Structure formats: structure tokens, C-alpha cells
Protein backbone atom coordinates (compact mmCIF):
# COMPACT_ATOMS: atom_id res chain seq x y z
CA UNK A 1 0.00 0.00 0.00
CA UNK A 2 2.93 2.35 0.71
CA UNK A 3 6.53 2.68 -0.35
CA UNK A 4 9.18 1.69 2.17
CA UNK A 5 10.28 5.31 2.54
CA UNK A 6 6.73 6.57 2.98
CA UNK A 7 6.08 3.85 5.55
CA UNK A 8 9.17 4.81 7.55
CA UNK A 9 8.19 8.47 7.42
CA UNK A 10 4.66 7.63 8.53
CA UNK A 11 5.84 5.57 11.50
CA UNK A 12 8.17 8.33 12.67
CA UNK A 13 5.35 10.89 12.47
CA UNK A 14 2.97 8.55 14.30
CA UNK A 15 5.41 8.06 17.16
CA UNK A 16 5.49 11.80 17.68
CA UNK A 17 1.69 12.06 17.53
CA UNK A 18 1.34 9.26 20.07
CA UNK A 19 3.92 10.80 22.41
CA UNK A 20 2.14 14.14 22.35
CA UNK A 21 -1.30 12.56 22.76
CA UNK A 22 -0.18 10.43 25.69
CA UNK A 23 1.38 13.36 27.54
CA UNK A 24 -1.66 15.54 26.88
CA UNK A 25 -3.92 12.77 28.19
CA UNK A 26 -1.80 12.42 31.34
CA UNK A 27 -2.06 16.15 32.05
CA UNK A 28 -5.81 16.11 31.46
CA UNK A 29 -6.16 13.25 33.94
CA UNK A 30 -4.38 15.30 36.61
CA UNK A 31 -6.86 18.11 36.02
CA UNK A 32 -9.81 15.68 36.06
CA UNK A 33 -9.04 14.79 39.67
CA UNK A 34 -9.33 18.39 40.85
CA UNK A 35 -12.47 20.06 42.15
CA UNK A 36 -12.10 23.10 39.89
CA UNK A 37 -11.42 21.70 36.42
CA UNK A 38 -11.30 25.14 34.82
CA UNK A 39 -8.62 26.41 37.19
CA UNK A 40 -6.60 23.22 36.80
CA UNK A 41 -6.80 23.35 33.01
CA UNK A 42 -5.73 26.99 32.95
CA UNK A 43 -2.72 26.05 35.06
CA UNK A 44 -1.56 23.23 32.74
CA UNK A 45 -2.46 24.91 29.42
CA UNK A 46 1.04 26.37 28.87
CA UNK A 47 2.49 22.89 29.34
CA UNK A 48 -0.06 21.40 26.94
CA UNK A 49 0.86 23.97 24.30
CA UNK A 50 4.59 23.34 24.80
CA UNK A 51 4.16 19.57 24.39
CA UNK A 52 2.17 19.83 21.18
CA UNK A 53 4.44 22.53 19.75
CA UNK A 54 7.53 20.41 20.48
CA UNK A 55 6.02 17.43 18.68
CA UNK A 56 4.99 19.66 15.77
CA UNK A 57 8.52 20.96 15.40
CA UNK A 58 10.05 17.48 15.39
CA UNK A 59 7.43 16.23 12.90
CA UNK A 60 8.01 19.16 10.56
CA UNK A 61 11.80 18.83 10.87
CA UNK A 62 11.64 15.45 9.09
CA UNK A 63 10.25 16.88 5.86
CA UNK A 64 13.51 17.71 4.07
CA UNK A 65 15.08 14.33 4.85
CA UNK A 66 11.98 12.51 3.60
CA UNK A 67 11.79 14.56 0.38
CA UNK A 68 15.49 14.02 -0.33
CA UNK A 69 15.14 10.27 0.15
CA UNK A 70 12.01 9.97 -2.02
CA UNK A 71 13.50 12.08 -4.80
CA UNK A 72 17.07 10.74 -4.42
CA UNK A 73 18.32 14.29 -4.92
CA UNK A 74 21.14 14.25 -2.36
CA UNK A 75 19.51 17.23 -0.68
CA UNK A 76 20.20 19.52 -3.64
CA UNK A 77 17.36 21.89 -2.86
CA UNK A 78 16.09 24.71 -5.05
CA UNK A 79 15.30 26.79 -1.97
CA UNK A 80 16.27 26.94 1.68
CA UNK A 81 15.46 24.12 4.12
CA UNK A 82 11.99 24.07 5.65
CA UNK A 83 11.89 26.04 8.89
CA UNK A 84 10.05 23.62 11.17
CA UNK A 85 9.69 26.25 13.89
CA UNK A 86 7.31 28.25 11.71
CA UNK A 87 4.87 25.33 11.69
CA UNK A 88 5.05 24.73 15.44
CA UNK A 89 2.91 26.50 18.02
CA UNK A 90 0.11 27.23 15.57
CA UNK A 91 -2.95 25.21 14.59
CA UNK A 92 -3.34 24.13 10.98
CA UNK A 93 -6.31 26.48 10.51
CA UNK A 94 -4.27 29.48 11.71
CA UNK A 95 -5.56 29.63 15.27
CA UNK A 96 -3.20 29.63 18.22
CA UNK A 97 -2.65 26.28 19.90
CA UNK A 98 -4.00 27.80 23.11
CA UNK A 99 -7.33 28.48 21.45
CA UNK A 100 -7.52 25.06 19.83
CA UNK A 101 -6.56 23.05 22.92
CA UNK A 102 -8.99 25.03 25.06
CA UNK A 103 -11.62 23.09 23.12
CA UNK A 104 -11.07 20.27 25.59
CA UNK A 105 -12.26 22.43 28.45
CA UNK A 106 -15.14 23.76 26.35
CA UNK A 107 -16.27 20.22 25.50
CA UNK A 108 -16.22 19.28 29.18
CA UNK A 109 -18.15 22.38 30.23
CA UNK A 110 -20.81 22.03 27.53
CA UNK A 111 -21.25 18.34 28.27
CA UNK A 112 -21.65 19.00 31.97
CA UNK A 113 -24.22 21.73 31.34
CA UNK A 114 -26.11 19.42 28.97
CA UNK A 115 -26.69 16.93 31.78
CA UNK A 116 -23.81 14.49 31.37
CA UNK A 117 -22.28 13.09 34.52
CA UNK A 118 -18.95 14.53 35.56
CA UNK A 119 -17.16 11.38 34.37
CA UNK A 120 -18.91 11.46 30.99
CA UNK A 121 -18.15 15.15 30.52
CA UNK A 122 -14.50 14.59 31.45
CA UNK A 123 -14.24 11.79 28.88
CA UNK A 124 -15.72 14.09 26.23
CA UNK A 125 -13.18 16.79 27.07
CA UNK A 126 -10.34 14.28 27.05
CA UNK A 127 -11.36 12.95 23.64
CA UNK A 128 -11.50 16.45 22.14
CA UNK A 129 -8.13 17.40 23.61
CA UNK A 130 -6.26 14.23 22.66
CA UNK A 131 -7.70 14.23 19.13
CA UNK A 132 -6.69 17.88 18.67
CA UNK A 133 -3.14 17.21 19.85
CA UNK A 134 -2.58 14.18 17.61
CA UNK A 135 -4.15 15.89 14.58
CA UNK A 136 -2.06 19.04 14.93
CA UNK A 137 1.20 17.10 15.10
CA UNK A 138 0.24 15.20 11.94
CA UNK A 139 -0.89 18.41 10.21
CA UNK A 140 2.41 20.17 10.99
CA UNK A 141 4.29 17.24 9.47
CA UNK A 142 2.08 17.27 6.38
CA UNK A 143 2.39 21.03 5.97
CA UNK A 144 6.18 20.72 6.11
CA UNK A 145 6.07 17.88 3.57
CA UNK A 146 4.10 20.16 1.25
CA UNK A 147 6.66 22.95 1.59
CA UNK A 148 9.47 20.44 0.94
CA UNK A 149 7.77 19.29 -2.28
CA UNK A 150 8.18 22.83 -3.61
CA UNK A 151 11.61 23.39 -2.07
CA UNK A 152 13.04 20.25 -3.68
CA UNK A 153 11.55 20.98 -7.08
CA UNK A 154 9.27 17.92 -7.13
CA UNK A 155 6.55 17.75 -9.77
CA UNK A 156 4.12 16.85 -7.02
CA UNK A 157 3.28 13.94 -4.77
CA UNK A 158 1.46 10.65 -4.64
CA UNK A 159 -0.95 10.24 -1.76
CA UNK A 160 -0.01 7.17 0.27
CA UNK A 161 -2.66 5.20 2.14
CA UNK A 162 -1.95 3.47 5.46
CA UNK A 163 -4.41 0.64 6.09
CA UNK A 164 -6.86 0.25 7.65
CA UNK A 165 -8.22 3.38 6.02
CA UNK A 166 -11.67 4.79 5.41
CA UNK A 167 -13.39 4.94 2.04
CA UNK A 168 -12.63 8.63 1.62
CA UNK A 169 -8.90 7.98 1.82
CA UNK A 170 -9.10 4.79 -0.26
CA UNK A 171 -10.43 6.54 -3.36
CA UNK A 172 -7.77 9.27 -3.10
CA UNK A 173 -4.84 6.92 -2.47
CA UNK A 174 -2.21 6.49 -5.16
CA UNK A 175 -3.27 9.55 -7.10
CA UNK A 176 -0.76 12.10 -8.32
CA UNK A 177 -1.25 15.67 -7.12
CA UNK A 178 0.61 18.68 -8.46
CA UNK A 179 2.99 20.54 -6.14
CA UNK A 180 0.33 23.18 -5.32
CA UNK A 181 -2.52 20.77 -4.49
CA UNK A 182 -3.70 21.00 -0.89
CA UNK A 183 -3.61 17.74 1.07
CA UNK A 184 -7.18 16.72 1.83
CA UNK A 185 -7.73 15.00 5.15
CA UNK A 186 -10.22 14.35 7.89
CA UNK A 187 -9.57 14.25 11.67
CA UNK A 188 -7.24 11.33 12.54
CA UNK A 189 -6.35 10.85 8.87
CA UNK A 190 -2.92 9.19 8.63
CA UNK A 191 -2.32 9.28 4.88
CA UNK A 192 1.10 10.60 3.86
CA UNK A 193 3.01 12.41 1.10
CA UNK A 194 5.36 10.63 -1.30
CA UNK A 195 7.11 13.40 -3.30
CA UNK A 196 7.84 12.49 -6.91
CA UNK A 197 9.70 14.07 -9.82
CA UNK A 198 7.63 12.10 -12.35
CA UNK A 199 4.19 13.54 -12.96
CA UNK A 200 3.37 10.70 -15.35
CA UNK A 201 4.10 7.81 -13.00
CA UNK A 202 1.00 5.58 -12.97
CA UNK A 203 -0.74 4.64 -9.76
CA UNK A 204 -0.64 1.00 -8.71
CA UNK A 205 -3.29 1.41 -6.03
CA UNK A 206 -6.70 -0.13 -6.75
CA UNK A 207 -9.53 0.98 -4.39
CA UNK A 208 -11.67 -1.99 -5.43
CA UNK A 209 -8.86 -4.43 -4.63
CA UNK A 210 -8.29 -2.73 -1.28
CA UNK A 211 -12.01 -3.02 -0.51
CA UNK A 212 -12.00 -6.70 -1.46
CA UNK A 213 -9.02 -7.33 0.86
CA UNK A 214 -11.14 -6.33 3.88
CA UNK A 215 -13.52 -8.55 5.79
CA UNK A 216 -17.23 -7.73 5.55
CA UNK A 217 -17.09 -6.34 9.10
CA UNK A 218 -14.15 -4.08 8.20
CA UNK A 219 -15.88 -2.97 5.01
CA UNK A 220 -18.98 -1.93 6.96
CA UNK A 221 -16.90 -0.12 9.61
CA UNK A 222 -14.60 1.77 7.24
CA UNK A 223 -17.00 2.57 4.39
CA UNK A 224 -20.33 2.52 6.23
CA UNK A 225 -22.85 -0.37 6.03
CA UNK A 226 -24.93 1.06 3.19
CA UNK A 227 -21.94 2.14 1.08
CA UNK A 228 -20.17 -1.16 1.69
CA UNK A 229 -23.21 -3.12 0.59
CA UNK A 230 -23.53 -1.02 -2.55
CA UNK A 231 -19.90 -1.74 -3.45
CA UNK A 232 -20.38 -5.45 -2.74
CA UNK A 233 -23.35 -5.30 -5.11
CA UNK A 234 -21.06 -4.00 -7.87
CA UNK A 235 -21.13 -0.20 -7.45
CA UNK A 236 -17.97 1.78 -8.18
CA UNK A 237 -16.20 2.66 -4.87
CA UNK A 238 -15.36 6.20 -6.00
CA UNK A 239 -18.94 6.98 -7.00
CA UNK A 240 -20.33 5.63 -3.73
CA UNK A 241 -17.83 7.44 -1.51
CA UNK A 242 -18.03 10.71 -3.44
CA UNK A 243 -21.75 10.81 -2.79
CA UNK A 244 -20.90 11.67 0.82
CA UNK A 245 -17.73 13.72 0.70
CA UNK A 246 -15.96 14.20 4.00
CA UNK A 247 -12.40 15.39 3.48
CA UNK A 248 -11.21 18.96 3.71
CA UNK A 249 -8.01 20.99 3.66
CA UNK A 250 -6.48 22.32 6.84
CA UNK A 251 -6.62 26.02 6.00
CA UNK A 252 -9.59 28.06 7.09
CA UNK A 253 -9.28 31.02 6.99
CA UNK A 254 -5.66 30.61 5.91
CA UNK A 255 -3.79 33.22 7.96
CA UNK A 256 -2.11 33.07 11.35
CA UNK A 257 -0.74 35.48 13.95
CA UNK A 258 2.14 33.12 14.81
CA UNK A 259 5.45 34.99 14.61
CA UNK A 260 3.82 38.33 13.75
CA UNK A 261 4.81 40.36 16.83
CA UNK A 262 7.79 42.73 16.61
CA UNK A 263 10.16 40.01 17.84
CA UNK A 264 8.59 37.21 15.77
CA UNK A 265 10.32 35.50 12.86
CA UNK A 266 7.67 36.49 10.34
CA UNK A 267 8.03 40.13 11.43
CA UNK A 268 11.79 39.82 10.96
CA UNK A 269 11.28 38.52 7.43
CA UNK A 270 8.84 41.31 6.63
CA UNK A 271 11.27 44.00 7.85
CA UNK A 272 14.04 42.44 5.76
CA UNK A 273 11.81 42.63 2.69
CA UNK A 274 10.42 46.07 3.49
CA UNK A 275 12.07 48.24 6.17
CA UNK A 276 8.89 50.30 6.31
CA UNK A 277 6.69 47.33 7.29
CA UNK A 278 3.98 48.49 9.64
CA UNK A 279 2.73 47.22 12.98
CA UNK A 280 -0.62 47.78 14.61
CA UNK A 281 -2.14 46.91 17.96
CA UNK A 282 -5.54 45.24 17.77
CA UNK A 283 -8.26 46.47 20.09
CA UNK A 284 -8.05 44.88 23.51
CA UNK A 285 -4.46 43.62 23.09
CA UNK A 286 -1.10 45.01 24.17
CA UNK A 287 1.05 43.43 21.43
CA UNK A 288 1.57 45.13 18.10
CA UNK A 289 1.56 42.78 15.11
CA UNK A 290 2.48 43.11 11.45
CA UNK A 291 -0.16 44.74 9.30
CA UNK A 292 0.59 42.23 6.51
CA UNK A 293 -1.20 38.98 7.36
CA UNK A 294 0.89 35.81 7.46
CA UNK A 295 -0.43 33.08 5.15
CA UNK A 296 -0.53 29.39 5.99
CA UNK A 297 1.23 27.14 3.41
CA UNK A 298 -1.89 25.69 1.80
CA UNK A 299 -3.36 29.17 1.37
CA UNK A 300 -0.16 30.07 -0.48
CA UNK A 301 -0.58 27.10 -2.84
CA UNK A 302 -4.13 28.20 -3.59
CA UNK A 303 -2.99 31.73 -4.46
CA UNK A 304 0.22 30.98 -6.37
CA UNK A 305 0.00 31.11 -10.15
CA UNK A 306 3.23 29.14 -10.60
CA UNK A 307 6.09 27.54 -8.64
CA UNK A 308 8.15 30.72 -8.68
CA UNK A 309 5.41 32.71 -7.00
CA UNK A 310 4.85 29.90 -4.50
CA UNK A 311 8.53 29.97 -3.55
CA UNK A 312 8.47 33.75 -3.15
CA UNK A 313 5.38 33.60 -0.94
CA UNK A 314 6.78 30.77 1.17
CA UNK A 315 9.99 32.74 1.70
CA UNK A 316 8.11 35.98 2.39
CA UNK A 317 6.00 34.20 5.01
CA UNK A 318 9.05 32.74 6.75
CA UNK A 319 8.77 29.04 5.91
CA UNK A 320 12.40 28.54 4.87
CA UNK A 321 15.45 28.77 7.09
CA UNK A 322 17.75 31.67 6.27
CA UNK A 323 20.56 29.98 4.35
CA UNK A 324 21.32 26.31 3.67
CA UNK A 325 21.58 25.19 7.30
CA UNK A 326 23.01 21.70 7.79
CA UNK A 327 22.16 19.20 10.49
CA UNK A 328 19.12 19.05 12.78
CA UNK A 329 16.96 22.04 13.48
CA UNK A 330 18.58 24.14 16.27
CA UNK A 331 15.49 23.69 18.45
CA UNK A 332 15.22 19.93 17.89
CA UNK A 333 17.19 18.92 20.99
CA UNK A 334 15.10 21.13 23.27
CA UNK A 335 11.89 19.87 21.70
CA UNK A 336 12.94 16.23 22.12
CA UNK A 337 13.80 16.80 25.79
CA UNK A 338 10.46 18.49 26.43
CA UNK A 339 8.52 15.70 24.75
CA UNK A 340 10.40 13.05 26.71
CA UNK A 341 9.65 14.52 30.14
């Protein structure tokens, strides 16, 4: 189902997602034992953010190595290395991690108000929090893989499926996508990038064969009972699954405030490009931020007319390290230590 390289890359990313999810779950459980869950969550929120951001950085830092191996290009990049730090500490939809992870507390509070028992509400909050943590680590890795596709001059990528996978992923697997195509995913999606220099390479993945390799129980669980029965009756898997689309890109609305304060990396890049770059303080805040919004990578792909413009926008938004830095990301050791504690 996957190439050896894609499988290795996937397993490394999954280890990071699991580490982050397990540590987030442990912290939530300490809060769950307190009388005032809100106060306890507020106390541990900075630690939650640090854990997820550390895992994001390490996941994103693998992108250049993976692209080089897939393309066998000996790391001869057309642009600077991916700056993993610019994809850490921010949610894939542009929100801050603080705002996203606070969804765990919100889920608990709403569940409790709706009449759930305390234990049931705590489980709902835990599920929301752990799912958010694991998804954001995977999304940071995928975003970095997308940037690396452009940086290494790949024609695009093949989408790699990791079984067991749902019907939505099965009909997308194996397809070739151009360098500027956003990676479509759903929560907990574990499909991966396989960068390729050959846009004409045929796909060897067969959704019908994958479906047939599953047991009837697995078919019903992964595709849905009605859809699975329709396919067993001879319907085309793509037509059945497309009737109930469920994948999306990770960029709504497509901008982020990460790194946009006067001391932020994006602000540094903007001042280097334009010494007259402006800053403004939003109502109710004390920090001045750049007046030029910072785009998320997939929003850049959607806007770019060609690869050259995509590279310029990625550089202007701070997604490449300044210069051809060698070795691990300078923050990788600190991130690994934080994730291990």
C-alpha cells in the first residue's frame, strides 16, 4: 500500500503524535481529579501547548530528509530548508494552539451543562483534547512535507494510504497531485506524502482491490454499512464514496498570527523585505503585530500562479530557514527533551 520510505516516514510521524497525545492525556487526567477543572486546566495549558508545539517541530523537521530520500536528490534543494519552527505552536487552521486546545475544556463544560455526569463530561473533554493534539502534530508534518515538495523541485506527490483506512482515503490513495494541491484529510487521517519528480508515473493502487481485501465487518466499519453493501453489489467505490464527501483541507481562513509580533520570525522577514513594514495593535491587546497577514502554506498554494510565485510567498512568510543550514533544526534537541519529560 505504501513505499518503504513513505512507511518509515509515517511511522516516525505517528510516534510523535502518540507521544504528544499520551502526555496531553496524562495532564488532562491530573486536572480531572481536581475540584475546579477550569482552574486546573488553565494552570496546565502552557504545558499542553509546549508539548504539542515540540512534537509539531520534530514532525516538521523530518520533511527535508523525507523529500530528499524519495527524490534521491542528495539534498540539492532549489530553496532553503523548511523552517520547522514556523509550523510549530500554531494550529493548521491558523488559530493559536492555546485556542484550539482550550476546546477540551469547552467540550467538558458544555457536556456537563447538557446533563452528562462529571465522568462522561470529562471523557468528552479528554477525547476532544487528545484528538486535537494528535491531529495538529500530523498536520504540521504534512504542511512541512508540502513545503518540501516545492523546495526540492518535485513535480508533485502521490498520496499514500496506510491501512486500515476509510473509504474517503481509499479513493484518493495512489493519485498524483501537483505541487500546489492542498492535502485533503479528515480528523485522525494518517495518509502521507510521497514526493515524486515524475508527474506521469502511474498509480498502482486499486480501491476496489483494497475493498476486497477487507472482511465484511471491516468494510462496513470503514465505508459505512450502506456504502459497503452497494460496493459489494457492484457499485464503483469512487462513486459511492463521493456521494458523501468528507475530506477537507487544513486552511480556514488561511492566515495566522504566529510569529507576527515585533520580535517574531515572520516580522523579521517582513522588515528584511520592506524596512517600512507596519505594525498595529488590535483592540483589547497590548502586542503590536504586522499589518501584513501571514499566510498558511496551503493558502499560499491556492494563491500561487506558478512555482516561482509559491517559492516567493513561502519565503516571504518565513517558511524557509535563512541559508542552507546543515544538520538538525537548532530547536530539535530542546523539543525532544520536552517531549520526553
